[in-house]
Amino acid sequence: MKVLLDNNMTKELKRGLLDHEVATAYEMGWADLKNGDLLRTAQAASFEVMISADTNIFYQQNNAKRIISLLILDTNRWRFIRPRMAVIHDAFSRATRGSYESMNLLPVSARKR
């Protein structure tokens, strides 16, 4: 699966996704693109999934014609993501064209109240 890591996502996540073709927005030269432009550009480049920590991205965009799947994590900190990689891999297996999934990876004690 071709996966794009949003500008706000840790590049360390690539280590946990070795079975996929993963690039960061920075590596693609898209570091300055904002959400809507980034999604459109990623779709045009045939990315299938974008992983982001921007919990508002879904609500900020017109999702009617979006074909890239969005996987939204509630953290971009590798120490919380790494132990939950199996859950992220499971989300990839559920991803369909244009799907959206939000995942809570932070322990309850670390979540904002």
PDB file of N, CA and C in Angstrom:
ATOM      1  N   MET A   1       0.847  -1.170   0.000  1.00  0.00           N
ATOM      2  CA  MET A   1       0.000   0.000   0.000  1.00  0.00           C
ATOM      3  C   MET A   1       0.897   1.240   0.000  1.00  0.00           C
ATOM      4  N   LYS A   2       0.519   2.236  -0.743  1.00  0.00           N
ATOM      5  CA  LYS A   2       1.289   3.477  -0.841  1.00  0.00           C
ATOM      6  C   LYS A   2       0.758   4.457   0.211  1.00  0.00           C
ATOM      7  N   VAL A   3       1.632   4.814   1.169  1.00  0.00           N
ATOM      8  CA  VAL A   3       1.231   5.572   2.353  1.00  0.00           C
ATOM      9  C   VAL A   3       2.003   6.877   2.441  1.00  0.00           C
ATOM     10  N   LEU A   4       1.281   7.957   2.737  1.00  0.00           N
ATOM     11  CA  LEU A   4       1.900   9.258   2.957  1.00  0.00           C
ATOM     12  C   LEU A   4       1.756   9.631   4.420  1.00  0.00           C
ATOM     13  N   LEU A   5       2.867  10.052   5.030  1.00  0.00           N
ATOM     14  CA  LEU A   5       2.835  10.578   6.390  1.00  0.00           C
ATOM     15  C   LEU A   5       2.717  12.091   6.305  1.00  0.00           C
ATOM     16  N   ASP A   6       1.694  12.641   6.933  1.00  0.00           N
ATOM     17  CA  ASP A   6       1.451  14.078   6.947  1.00  0.00           C
ATOM     18  C   ASP A   6       2.637  14.796   7.602  1.00  0.00           C
ATOM     19  N   ASN A   7       2.702  16.097   7.373  1.00  0.00           N
ATOM     20  CA  ASN A   7       3.781  16.920   7.927  1.00  0.00           C
ATOM     21  C   ASN A   7       3.886  16.814   9.445  1.00  0.00           C
ATOM     22  N   ASN A   8       2.778  16.550  10.116  1.00  0.00           N
ATOM     23  CA  ASN A   8       2.776  16.514  11.577  1.00  0.00           C
ATOM     24  C   ASN A   8       3.068  15.125  12.148  1.00  0.00           C
ATOM     25  N   MET A   9       3.322  14.158  11.307  1.00  0.00           N
ATOM     26  CA  MET A   9       3.524  12.787  11.765  1.00  0.00           C
ATOM     27  C   MET A   9       5.016  12.468  11.866  1.00  0.00           C
ATOM     28  N   THR A  10       5.376  11.723  12.898  1.00  0.00           N
ATOM     29  CA  THR A  10       6.774  11.348  13.093  1.00  0.00           C
ATOM     30  C   THR A  10       7.263  10.450  11.955  1.00  0.00           C
ATOM     31  N   LYS A  11       8.446  10.754  11.449  1.00  0.00           N
ATOM     32  CA  LYS A  11       9.005   9.927  10.373  1.00  0.00           C
ATOM     33  C   LYS A  11       9.414   8.552  10.889  1.00  0.00           C
ATOM     34  N   GLU A  12       9.525   8.397  12.207  1.00  0.00           N
ATOM     35  CA  GLU A  12       9.862   7.091  12.785  1.00  0.00           C
ATOM     36  C   GLU A  12       8.795   6.040  12.481  1.00  0.00           C
ATOM     37  N   LEU A  13       7.597   6.488  12.184  1.00  0.00           N
ATOM     38  CA  LEU A  13       6.511   5.567  11.847  1.00  0.00           C
ATOM     39  C   LEU A  13       6.858   4.710  10.631  1.00  0.00           C
ATOM     40  N   LYS A  14       7.716   5.217   9.769  1.00  0.00           N
ATOM     41  CA  LYS A  14       8.131   4.441   8.589  1.00  0.00           C
ATOM     42  C   LYS A  14       8.735   3.100   8.993  1.00  0.00           C
ATOM     43  N   ARG A  15       9.429   3.064  10.138  1.00  0.00           N
ATOM     44  CA  ARG A  15      10.060   1.823  10.602  1.00  0.00           C
ATOM     45  C   ARG A  15       9.042   0.729  10.888  1.00  0.00           C
ATOM     46  N   GLY A  16       7.847   1.130  11.263  1.00  0.00           N
ATOM     47  CA  GLY A  16       6.812   0.155  11.571  1.00  0.00           C
ATOM     48  C   GLY A  16       5.971  -0.240  10.376  1.00  0.00           C
ATOM     49  N   LEU A  17       6.253   0.359   9.225  1.00  0.00           N
ATOM     50  CA  LEU A  17       5.444   0.111   8.026  1.00  0.00           C
ATOM     51  C   LEU A  17       6.295  -0.417   6.877  1.00  0.00           C
ATOM     52  N   LEU A  18       7.223  -1.289   7.182  1.00  0.00           N
ATOM     53  CA  LEU A  18       8.169  -1.780   6.182  1.00  0.00           C
ATOM     54  C   LEU A  18       7.503  -2.565   5.057  1.00  0.00           C
ATOM     55  N   ASP A  19       6.306  -3.083   5.294  1.00  0.00           N
ATOM     56  CA  ASP A  19       5.591  -3.838   4.257  1.00  0.00           C
ATOM     57  C   ASP A  19       4.882  -2.933   3.259  1.00  0.00           C
ATOM     58  N   HIS A  20       5.011  -1.623   3.452  1.00  0.00           N
ATOM     59  CA  HIS A  20       4.308  -0.658   2.610  1.00  0.00           C
ATOM     60  C   HIS A  20       5.301   0.320   1.998  1.00  0.00           C
ATOM     61  N   GLU A  21       4.876   0.981   0.944  1.00  0.00           N
ATOM     62  CA  GLU A  21       5.673   2.042   0.321  1.00  0.00           C
ATOM     63  C   GLU A  21       5.295   3.344   1.036  1.00  0.00           C
ATOM     64  N   VAL A  22       6.192   3.841   1.887  1.00  0.00           N
ATOM     65  CA  VAL A  22       5.881   4.980   2.750  1.00  0.00           C
ATOM     66  C   VAL A  22       6.792   6.154   2.432  1.00  0.00           C
ATOM     67  N   ALA A  23       6.199   7.336   2.350  1.00  0.00           N
ATOM     68  CA  ALA A  23       6.957   8.575   2.160  1.00  0.00           C
ATOM     69  C   ALA A  23       6.372   9.635   3.083  1.00  0.00           C
ATOM     70  N   THR A  24       7.201  10.581   3.457  1.00  0.00           N
ATOM     71  CA  THR A  24       6.712  11.716   4.233  1.00  0.00           C
ATOM     72  C   THR A  24       6.396  12.857   3.275  1.00  0.00           C
ATOM     73  N   ALA A  25       5.546  13.757   3.723  1.00  0.00           N
ATOM     74  CA  ALA A  25       5.233  14.929   2.906  1.00  0.00           C
ATOM     75  C   ALA A  25       6.514  15.713   2.626  1.00  0.00           C
ATOM     76  N   TYR A  26       7.391  15.787   3.606  1.00  0.00           N
ATOM     77  CA  TYR A  26       8.661  16.493   3.427  1.00  0.00           C
ATOM     78  C   TYR A  26       9.501  15.846   2.324  1.00  0.00           C
ATOM     79  N   GLU A  27       9.620  14.523   2.357  1.00  0.00           N
ATOM     80  CA  GLU A  27      10.406  13.813   1.341  1.00  0.00           C
ATOM     81  C   GLU A  27       9.851  14.030  -0.064  1.00  0.00           C
ATOM     82  N   MET A  28       8.551  14.201  -0.158  1.00  0.00           N
ATOM     83  CA  MET A  28       7.911  14.401  -1.460  1.00  0.00           C
ATOM     84  C   MET A  28       8.019  15.848  -1.935  1.00  0.00           C
ATOM     85  N   GLY A  29       8.551  16.728  -1.081  1.00  0.00           N
ATOM     86  CA  GLY A  29       8.640  18.145  -1.427  1.00  0.00           C
ATOM     87  C   GLY A  29       7.342  18.890  -1.180  1.00  0.00           C
ATOM     88  N   TRP A  30       6.488  18.327  -0.331  1.00  0.00           N
ATOM     89  CA  TRP A  30       5.170  18.889  -0.074  1.00  0.00           C
ATOM     90  C   TRP A  30       5.042  19.468   1.327  1.00  0.00           C
ATOM     91  N   ALA A  31       6.144  19.797   1.966  1.00  0.00           N
ATOM     92  CA  ALA A  31       6.118  20.263   3.354  1.00  0.00           C
ATOM     93  C   ALA A  31       5.304  21.536   3.534  1.00  0.00           C
ATOM     94  N   ASP A  32       5.209  22.358   2.510  1.00  0.00           N
ATOM     95  CA  ASP A  32       4.491  23.629   2.628  1.00  0.00           C
ATOM     96  C   ASP A  32       3.012  23.524   2.258  1.00  0.00           C
ATOM     97  N   LEU A  33       2.580  22.366   1.793  1.00  0.00           N
ATOM     98  CA  LEU A  33       1.175  22.214   1.397  1.00  0.00           C
ATOM     99  C   LEU A  33       0.284  22.057   2.628  1.00  0.00           C
ATOM    100  N   LYS A  34      -0.838  22.711   2.605  1.00  0.00           N
ATOM    101  CA  LYS A  34      -1.831  22.591   3.677  1.00  0.00           C
ATOM    102  C   LYS A  34      -2.765  21.425   3.360  1.00  0.00           C
ATOM    103  N   ASN A  35      -3.637  21.115   4.289  1.00  0.00           N
ATOM    104  CA  ASN A  35      -4.456  19.896   4.229  1.00  0.00           C
ATOM    105  C   ASN A  35      -5.116  19.610   2.885  1.00  0.00           C
ATOM    106  N   GLY A  36      -5.926  20.526   2.393  1.00  0.00           N
ATOM    107  CA  GLY A  36      -6.655  20.271   1.144  1.00  0.00           C
ATOM    108  C   GLY A  36      -5.726  20.060  -0.030  1.00  0.00           C
ATOM    109  N   ASP A  37      -4.732  20.935  -0.163  1.00  0.00           N
ATOM    110  CA  ASP A  37      -3.766  20.801  -1.257  1.00  0.00           C
ATOM    111  C   ASP A  37      -2.940  19.533  -1.103  1.00  0.00           C
ATOM    112  N   LEU A  38      -2.586  19.201   0.129  1.00  0.00           N
ATOM    113  CA  LEU A  38      -1.801  17.990   0.368  1.00  0.00           C
ATOM    114  C   LEU A  38      -2.605  16.745  -0.009  1.00  0.00           C
ATOM    115  N   LEU A  39      -3.857  16.699   0.383  1.00  0.00           N
ATOM    116  CA  LEU A  39      -4.701  15.548   0.030  1.00  0.00           C
ATOM    117  C   LEU A  39      -4.855  15.404  -1.479  1.00  0.00           C
ATOM    118  N   ARG A  40      -5.129  16.508  -2.166  1.00  0.00           N
ATOM    119  CA  ARG A  40      -5.285  16.456  -3.625  1.00  0.00           C
ATOM    120  C   ARG A  40      -3.988  16.027  -4.309  1.00  0.00           C
ATOM    121  N   THR A  41      -2.863  16.554  -3.845  1.00  0.00           N
ATOM    122  CA  THR A  41      -1.568  16.217  -4.434  1.00  0.00           C
ATOM    123  C   THR A  41      -1.224  14.752  -4.175  1.00  0.00           C
ATOM    124  N   ALA A  42      -1.496  14.277  -2.964  1.00  0.00           N
ATOM    125  CA  ALA A  42      -1.229  12.875  -2.622  1.00  0.00           C
ATOM    126  C   ALA A  42      -2.088  11.939  -3.466  1.00  0.00           C
ATOM    127  N   GLN A  43      -3.344  12.283  -3.649  1.00  0.00           N
ATOM    128  CA  GLN A  43      -4.225  11.474  -4.503  1.00  0.00           C
ATOM    129  C   GLN A  43      -3.708  11.424  -5.924  1.00  0.00           C
ATOM    130  N   ALA A  44      -3.289  12.576  -6.441  1.00  0.00           N
ATOM    131  CA  ALA A  44      -2.780  12.639  -7.817  1.00  0.00           C
ATOM    132  C   ALA A  44      -1.519  11.797  -7.979  1.00  0.00           C
ATOM    133  N   ALA A  45      -0.770  11.614  -6.887  1.00  0.00           N
ATOM    134  CA  ALA A  45       0.451  10.810  -6.918  1.00  0.00           C
ATOM    135  C   ALA A  45       0.177   9.351  -6.546  1.00  0.00           C
ATOM    136  N   SER A  46      -1.092   8.970  -6.515  1.00  0.00           N
ATOM    137  CA  SER A  46      -1.531   7.585  -6.285  1.00  0.00           C
ATOM    138  C   SER A  46      -1.290   7.067  -4.877  1.00  0.00           C
ATOM    139  N   PHE A  47      -1.193   7.956  -3.888  1.00  0.00           N
ATOM    140  CA  PHE A  47      -1.138   7.485  -2.503  1.00  0.00           C
ATOM    141  C   PHE A  47      -2.514   6.954  -2.136  1.00  0.00           C
ATOM    142  N   GLU A  48      -2.532   5.850  -1.400  1.00  0.00           N
ATOM    143  CA  GLU A  48      -3.790   5.212  -1.022  1.00  0.00           C
ATOM    144  C   GLU A  48      -4.253   5.603   0.372  1.00  0.00           C
ATOM    145  N   VAL A  49      -3.294   5.887   1.255  1.00  0.00           N
ATOM    146  CA  VAL A  49      -3.600   6.232   2.645  1.00  0.00           C
ATOM    147  C   VAL A  49      -2.717   7.392   3.069  1.00  0.00           C
ATOM    148  N   MET A  50      -3.304   8.322   3.824  1.00  0.00           N
ATOM    149  CA  MET A  50      -2.507   9.358   4.475  1.00  0.00           C
ATOM    150  C   MET A  50      -2.722   9.225   5.974  1.00  0.00           C
ATOM    151  N   ILE A  51      -1.612   9.228   6.708  1.00  0.00           N
ATOM    152  CA  ILE A  51      -1.668   9.165   8.164  1.00  0.00           C
ATOM    153  C   ILE A  51      -1.344  10.551   8.696  1.00  0.00           C
ATOM    154  N   SER A  52      -2.193  11.028   9.599  1.00  0.00           N
ATOM    155  CA  SER A  52      -2.042  12.370  10.143  1.00  0.00           C
ATOM    156  C   SER A  52      -2.383  12.368  11.627  1.00  0.00           C
ATOM    157  N   ALA A  53      -1.900  13.385  12.328  1.00  0.00           N
ATOM    158  CA  ALA A  53      -2.297  13.607  13.714  1.00  0.00           C
ATOM    159  C   ALA A  53      -3.232  14.807  13.813  1.00  0.00           C
ATOM    160  N   ASP A  54      -3.664  15.325  12.675  1.00  0.00           N
ATOM    161  CA  ASP A  54      -4.578  16.468  12.636  1.00  0.00           C
ATOM    162  C   ASP A  54      -6.006  15.957  12.783  1.00  0.00           C
ATOM    163  N   THR A  55      -6.537  16.050  13.985  1.00  0.00           N
ATOM    164  CA  THR A  55      -7.862  15.493  14.258  1.00  0.00           C
ATOM    165  C   THR A  55      -8.985  16.284  13.594  1.00  0.00           C
ATOM    166  N   ASN A  56      -8.694  17.452  13.054  1.00  0.00           N
ATOM    167  CA  ASN A  56      -9.721  18.267  12.398  1.00  0.00           C
ATOM    168  C   ASN A  56      -9.710  18.148  10.878  1.00  0.00           C
ATOM    169  N   ILE A  57      -8.760  17.428  10.317  1.00  0.00           N
ATOM    170  CA  ILE A  57      -8.588  17.401   8.861  1.00  0.00           C
ATOM    171  C   ILE A  57      -9.859  16.943   8.138  1.00  0.00           C
ATOM    172  N   PHE A  58     -10.551  15.967   8.680  1.00  0.00           N
ATOM    173  CA  PHE A  58     -11.756  15.452   8.028  1.00  0.00           C
ATOM    174  C   PHE A  58     -12.826  16.534   7.922  1.00  0.00           C
ATOM    175  N   TYR A  59     -12.957  17.341   8.961  1.00  0.00           N
ATOM    176  CA  TYR A  59     -14.006  18.358   9.012  1.00  0.00           C
ATOM    177  C   TYR A  59     -13.640  19.616   8.235  1.00  0.00           C
ATOM    178  N   GLN A  60     -12.366  19.786   7.917  1.00  0.00           N
ATOM    179  CA  GLN A  60     -11.907  20.972   7.204  1.00  0.00           C
ATOM    180  C   GLN A  60     -11.961  20.792   5.688  1.00  0.00           C
ATOM    181  N   GLN A  61     -12.260  19.598   5.227  1.00  0.00           N
ATOM    182  CA  GLN A  61     -12.173  19.295   3.799  1.00  0.00           C
ATOM    183  C   GLN A  61     -13.517  18.879   3.229  1.00  0.00           C
ATOM    184  N   ASN A  62     -13.656  19.047   1.920  1.00  0.00           N
ATOM    185  CA  ASN A  62     -14.797  18.499   1.200  1.00  0.00           C
ATOM    186  C   ASN A  62     -14.433  17.054   0.872  1.00  0.00           C
ATOM    187  N   ASN A  63     -15.072  16.126   1.537  1.00  0.00           N
ATOM    188  CA  ASN A  63     -14.703  14.716   1.421  1.00  0.00           C
ATOM    189  C   ASN A  63     -15.493  13.951   0.365  1.00  0.00           C
ATOM    190  N   ALA A  64     -16.391  14.624  -0.326  1.00  0.00           N
ATOM    191  CA  ALA A  64     -17.263  13.938  -1.279  1.00  0.00           C
ATOM    192  C   ALA A  64     -16.487  13.233  -2.391  1.00  0.00           C
ATOM    193  N   LYS A  65     -15.433  13.840  -2.877  1.00  0.00           N
ATOM    194  CA  LYS A  65     -14.688  13.256  -4.003  1.00  0.00           C
ATOM    195  C   LYS A  65     -13.330  12.698  -3.589  1.00  0.00           C
ATOM    196  N   ARG A  66     -13.088  12.638  -2.292  1.00  0.00           N
ATOM    197  CA  ARG A  66     -11.794  12.151  -1.812  1.00  0.00           C
ATOM    198  C   ARG A  66     -11.702  10.645  -2.029  1.00  0.00           C
ATOM    199  N   ILE A  67     -10.595  10.188  -2.607  1.00  0.00           N
ATOM    200  CA  ILE A  67     -10.396   8.748  -2.795  1.00  0.00           C
ATOM    201  C   ILE A  67      -9.299   8.208  -1.885  1.00  0.00           C
ATOM    202  N   ILE A  68      -8.430   9.083  -1.383  1.00  0.00           N
ATOM    203  CA  ILE A  68      -7.383   8.650  -0.467  1.00  0.00           C
ATOM    204  C   ILE A  68      -8.016   8.374   0.900  1.00  0.00           C
ATOM    205  N   SER A  69      -7.602   7.307   1.539  1.00  0.00           N
ATOM    206  CA  SER A  69      -8.091   6.980   2.874  1.00  0.00           C
ATOM    207  C   SER A  69      -7.318   7.798   3.897  1.00  0.00           C
ATOM    208  N   LEU A  70      -8.008   8.198   4.954  1.00  0.00           N
ATOM    209  CA  LEU A  70      -7.371   8.950   6.032  1.00  0.00           C
ATOM    210  C   LEU A  70      -7.331   8.101   7.287  1.00  0.00           C
ATOM    211  N   LEU A  71      -6.162   8.024   7.889  1.00  0.00           N
ATOM    212  CA  LEU A  71      -5.991   7.370   9.176  1.00  0.00           C
ATOM    213  C   LEU A  71      -5.475   8.442  10.121  1.00  0.00           C
ATOM    214  N   ILE A  72      -6.294   8.805  11.098  1.00  0.00           N
ATOM    215  CA  ILE A  72      -5.967   9.889  12.007  1.00  0.00           C
ATOM    216  C   ILE A  72      -5.593   9.295  13.360  1.00  0.00           C
ATOM    217  N   LEU A  73      -4.391   9.610  13.816  1.00  0.00           N
ATOM    218  CA  LEU A  73      -3.910   9.149  15.114  1.00  0.00           C
ATOM    219  C   LEU A  73      -4.002  10.299  16.108  1.00  0.00           C
ATOM    220  N   ASP A  74      -4.301   9.991  17.361  1.00  0.00           N
ATOM    221  CA  ASP A  74      -4.429  11.051  18.357  1.00  0.00           C
ATOM    222  C   ASP A  74      -3.082  11.488  18.931  1.00  0.00           C
ATOM    223  N   THR A  75      -2.010  10.957  18.386  1.00  0.00           N
ATOM    224  CA  THR A  75      -0.668  11.349  18.814  1.00  0.00           C
ATOM    225  C   THR A  75       0.303  11.199  17.653  1.00  0.00           C
ATOM    226  N   ASN A  76       1.376  11.958  17.705  1.00  0.00           N
ATOM    227  CA  ASN A  76       2.454  11.780  16.731  1.00  0.00           C
ATOM    228  C   ASN A  76       3.741  11.367  17.439  1.00  0.00           C
ATOM    229  N   ARG A  77       3.616  10.980  18.690  1.00  0.00           N
ATOM    230  CA  ARG A  77       4.788  10.572  19.477  1.00  0.00           C
ATOM    231  C   ARG A  77       5.042   9.073  19.323  1.00  0.00           C
ATOM    232  N   TRP A  78       6.229   8.756  18.826  1.00  0.00           N
ATOM    233  CA  TRP A  78       6.613   7.383  18.520  1.00  0.00           C
ATOM    234  C   TRP A  78       6.495   6.468  19.734  1.00  0.00           C
ATOM    235  N   ARG A  79       6.781   6.964  20.911  1.00  0.00           N
ATOM    236  CA  ARG A  79       6.731   6.101  22.103  1.00  0.00           C
ATOM    237  C   ARG A  79       5.322   5.581  22.372  1.00  0.00           C
ATOM    238  N   PHE A  80       4.303   6.293  21.910  1.00  0.00           N
ATOM    239  CA  PHE A  80       2.924   5.818  22.043  1.00  0.00           C
ATOM    240  C   PHE A  80       2.473   5.036  20.814  1.00  0.00           C
ATOM    241  N   ILE A  81       3.034   5.360  19.664  1.00  0.00           N
ATOM    242  CA  ILE A  81       2.645   4.692  18.418  1.00  0.00           C
ATOM    243  C   ILE A  81       3.265   3.298  18.322  1.00  0.00           C
ATOM    244  N   ARG A  82       4.547   3.188  18.622  1.00  0.00           N
ATOM    245  CA  ARG A  82       5.282   1.926  18.430  1.00  0.00           C
ATOM    246  C   ARG A  82       4.586   0.711  19.046  1.00  0.00           C
ATOM    247  N   PRO A  83       4.135   0.770  20.309  1.00  0.00           N
ATOM    248  CA  PRO A  83       3.506  -0.435  20.859  1.00  0.00           C
ATOM    249  C   PRO A  83       2.141  -0.766  20.250  1.00  0.00           C
ATOM    250  N   ARG A  84       1.593   0.133  19.448  1.00  0.00           N
ATOM    251  CA  ARG A  84       0.269  -0.073  18.862  1.00  0.00           C
ATOM    252  C   ARG A  84       0.321  -0.317  17.356  1.00  0.00           C
ATOM    253  N   MET A  85       1.485  -0.663  16.837  1.00  0.00           N
ATOM    254  CA  MET A  85       1.632  -0.861  15.394  1.00  0.00           C
ATOM    255  C   MET A  85       0.704  -1.948  14.854  1.00  0.00           C
ATOM    256  N   ALA A  86       0.434  -2.974  15.626  1.00  0.00           N
ATOM    257  CA  ALA A  86      -0.473  -4.033  15.157  1.00  0.00           C
ATOM    258  C   ALA A  86      -1.866  -3.466  14.890  1.00  0.00           C
ATOM    259  N   VAL A  87      -2.298  -2.530  15.719  1.00  0.00           N
ATOM    260  CA  VAL A  87      -3.607  -1.899  15.550  1.00  0.00           C
ATOM    261  C   VAL A  87      -3.618  -1.052  14.278  1.00  0.00           C
ATOM    262  N   ILE A  88      -2.516  -0.376  14.010  1.00  0.00           N
ATOM    263  CA  ILE A  88      -2.403   0.436  12.794  1.00  0.00           C
ATOM    264  C   ILE A  88      -2.425  -0.467  11.559  1.00  0.00           C
ATOM    265  N   HIS A  89      -1.713  -1.579  11.613  1.00  0.00           N
ATOM    266  CA  HIS A  89      -1.740  -2.533  10.491  1.00  0.00           C
ATOM    267  C   HIS A  89      -3.154  -3.072  10.263  1.00  0.00           C
ATOM    268  N   ASP A  90      -3.883  -3.313  11.338  1.00  0.00           N
ATOM    269  CA  ASP A  90      -5.274  -3.760  11.204  1.00  0.00           C
ATOM    270  C   ASP A  90      -6.122  -2.701  10.506  1.00  0.00           C
ATOM    271  N   ALA A  91      -5.870  -1.435  10.827  1.00  0.00           N
ATOM    272  CA  ALA A  91      -6.619  -0.341  10.184  1.00  0.00           C
ATOM    273  C   ALA A  91      -6.351  -0.321   8.681  1.00  0.00           C
ATOM    274  N   PHE A  92      -5.127  -0.629   8.276  1.00  0.00           N
ATOM    275  CA  PHE A  92      -4.808  -0.687   6.845  1.00  0.00           C
ATOM    276  C   PHE A  92      -5.642  -1.756   6.154  1.00  0.00           C
ATOM    277  N   SER A  93      -5.849  -2.864   6.826  1.00  0.00           N
ATOM    278  CA  SER A  93      -6.624  -3.944   6.207  1.00  0.00           C
ATOM    279  C   SER A  93      -8.098  -3.562   6.053  1.00  0.00           C
ATOM    280  N   ARG A  94      -8.573  -2.620   6.859  1.00  0.00           N
ATOM    281  CA  ARG A  94      -9.963  -2.155   6.755  1.00  0.00           C
ATOM    282  C   ARG A  94     -10.119  -0.978   5.798  1.00  0.00           C
ATOM    283  N   ALA A  95      -9.024  -0.330   5.451  1.00  0.00           N
ATOM    284  CA  ALA A  95      -9.089   0.887   4.632  1.00  0.00           C
ATOM    285  C   ALA A  95      -9.676   0.586   3.258  1.00  0.00           C
ATOM    286  N   THR A  96     -10.617   1.409   2.876  1.00  0.00           N
ATOM    287  CA  THR A  96     -11.202   1.333   1.544  1.00  0.00           C
ATOM    288  C   THR A  96     -11.108   2.713   0.911  1.00  0.00           C
ATOM    289  N   ARG A  97     -11.365   2.769  -0.335  1.00  0.00           N
ATOM    290  CA  ARG A  97     -11.279   4.022  -1.086  1.00  0.00           C
ATOM    291  C   ARG A  97     -12.079   5.130  -0.391  1.00  0.00           C
ATOM    292  N   GLY A  98     -11.387   6.186   0.025  1.00  0.00           N
ATOM    293  CA  GLY A  98     -12.036   7.329   0.654  1.00  0.00           C
ATOM    294  C   GLY A  98     -12.430   7.140   2.107  1.00  0.00           C
ATOM    295  N   SER A  99     -12.009   6.057   2.731  1.00  0.00           N
ATOM    296  CA  SER A  99     -12.418   5.807   4.118  1.00  0.00           C
ATOM    297  C   SER A  99     -11.696   6.740   5.091  1.00  0.00           C
ATOM    298  N   TYR A 100     -12.245   6.812   6.285  1.00  0.00           N
ATOM    299  CA  TYR A 100     -11.704   7.650   7.353  1.00  0.00           C
ATOM    300  C   TYR A 100     -11.756   6.847   8.634  1.00  0.00           C
ATOM    301  N   GLU A 101     -10.641   6.813   9.352  1.00  0.00           N
ATOM    302  CA  GLU A 101     -10.633   6.155  10.657  1.00  0.00           C
ATOM    303  C   GLU A 101      -9.789   6.980  11.610  1.00  0.00           C
ATOM    304  N   SER A 102     -10.336   7.183  12.789  1.00  0.00           N
ATOM    305  CA  SER A 102      -9.637   7.900  13.850  1.00  0.00           C
ATOM    306  C   SER A 102      -9.264   6.889  14.924  1.00  0.00           C
ATOM    307  N   MET A 103      -8.006   6.934  15.372  1.00  0.00           N
ATOM    308  CA  MET A 103      -7.530   5.953  16.341  1.00  0.00           C
ATOM    309  C   MET A 103      -7.000   6.642  17.589  1.00  0.00           C
ATOM    310  N   ASN A 104      -7.432   6.141  18.746  1.00  0.00           N
ATOM    311  CA  ASN A 104      -6.919   6.617  20.027  1.00  0.00           C
ATOM    312  C   ASN A 104      -5.797   5.689  20.467  1.00  0.00           C
ATOM    313  N   LEU A 105      -4.574   6.174  20.368  1.00  0.00           N
ATOM    314  CA  LEU A 105      -3.413   5.380  20.756  1.00  0.00           C
ATOM    315  C   LEU A 105      -2.873   5.779  22.121  1.00  0.00           C
ATOM    316  N   LEU A 106      -3.175   6.993  22.544  1.00  0.00           N
ATOM    317  CA  LEU A 106      -2.682   7.471  23.830  1.00  0.00           C
ATOM    318  C   LEU A 106      -3.367   6.729  24.970  1.00  0.00           C
ATOM    319  N   PRO A 107      -2.607   6.428  26.027  1.00  0.00           N
ATOM    320  CA  PRO A 107      -3.265   5.881  27.211  1.00  0.00           C
ATOM    321  C   PRO A 107      -4.198   6.949  27.789  1.00  0.00           C
ATOM    322  N   VAL A 108      -5.236   6.529  28.452  1.00  0.00           N
ATOM    323  CA  VAL A 108      -6.227   7.463  28.995  1.00  0.00           C
ATOM    324  C   VAL A 108      -5.559   8.536  29.846  1.00  0.00           C
ATOM    325  N   SER A 109      -4.562   8.176  30.615  1.00  0.00           N
ATOM    326  CA  SER A 109      -3.894   9.135  31.507  1.00  0.00           C
ATOM    327  C   SER A 109      -3.151  10.233  30.752  1.00  0.00           C
ATOM    328  N   ALA A 110      -2.834  10.024  29.480  1.00  0.00           N
ATOM    329  CA  ALA A 110      -2.075  11.006  28.697  1.00  0.00           C
ATOM    330  C   ALA A 110      -2.956  11.856  27.785  1.00  0.00           C
ATOM    331  N   ARG A 111      -4.246  11.558  27.719  1.00  0.00           N
ATOM    332  CA  ARG A 111      -5.144  12.299  26.826  1.00  0.00           C
ATOM    333  C   ARG A 111      -5.502  13.652  27.410  1.00  0.00           C
ATOM    334  N   LYS A 112      -5.721  14.619  26.512  1.00  0.00           N
ATOM    335  CA  LYS A 112      -6.165  15.951  26.930  1.00  0.00           C
ATOM    336  C   LYS A 112      -7.580  15.848  27.463  1.00  0.00           C
ATOM    337  N   ARG A 113      -7.847  16.615  28.450  1.00  0.00           N
ATOM    338  CA  ARG A 113      -9.205  16.602  29.042  1.00  0.00           C
ATOM    339  C   ARG A 113      -9.943  17.848  28.692  1.00  0.00           C
TER     340      ARG A 113
END
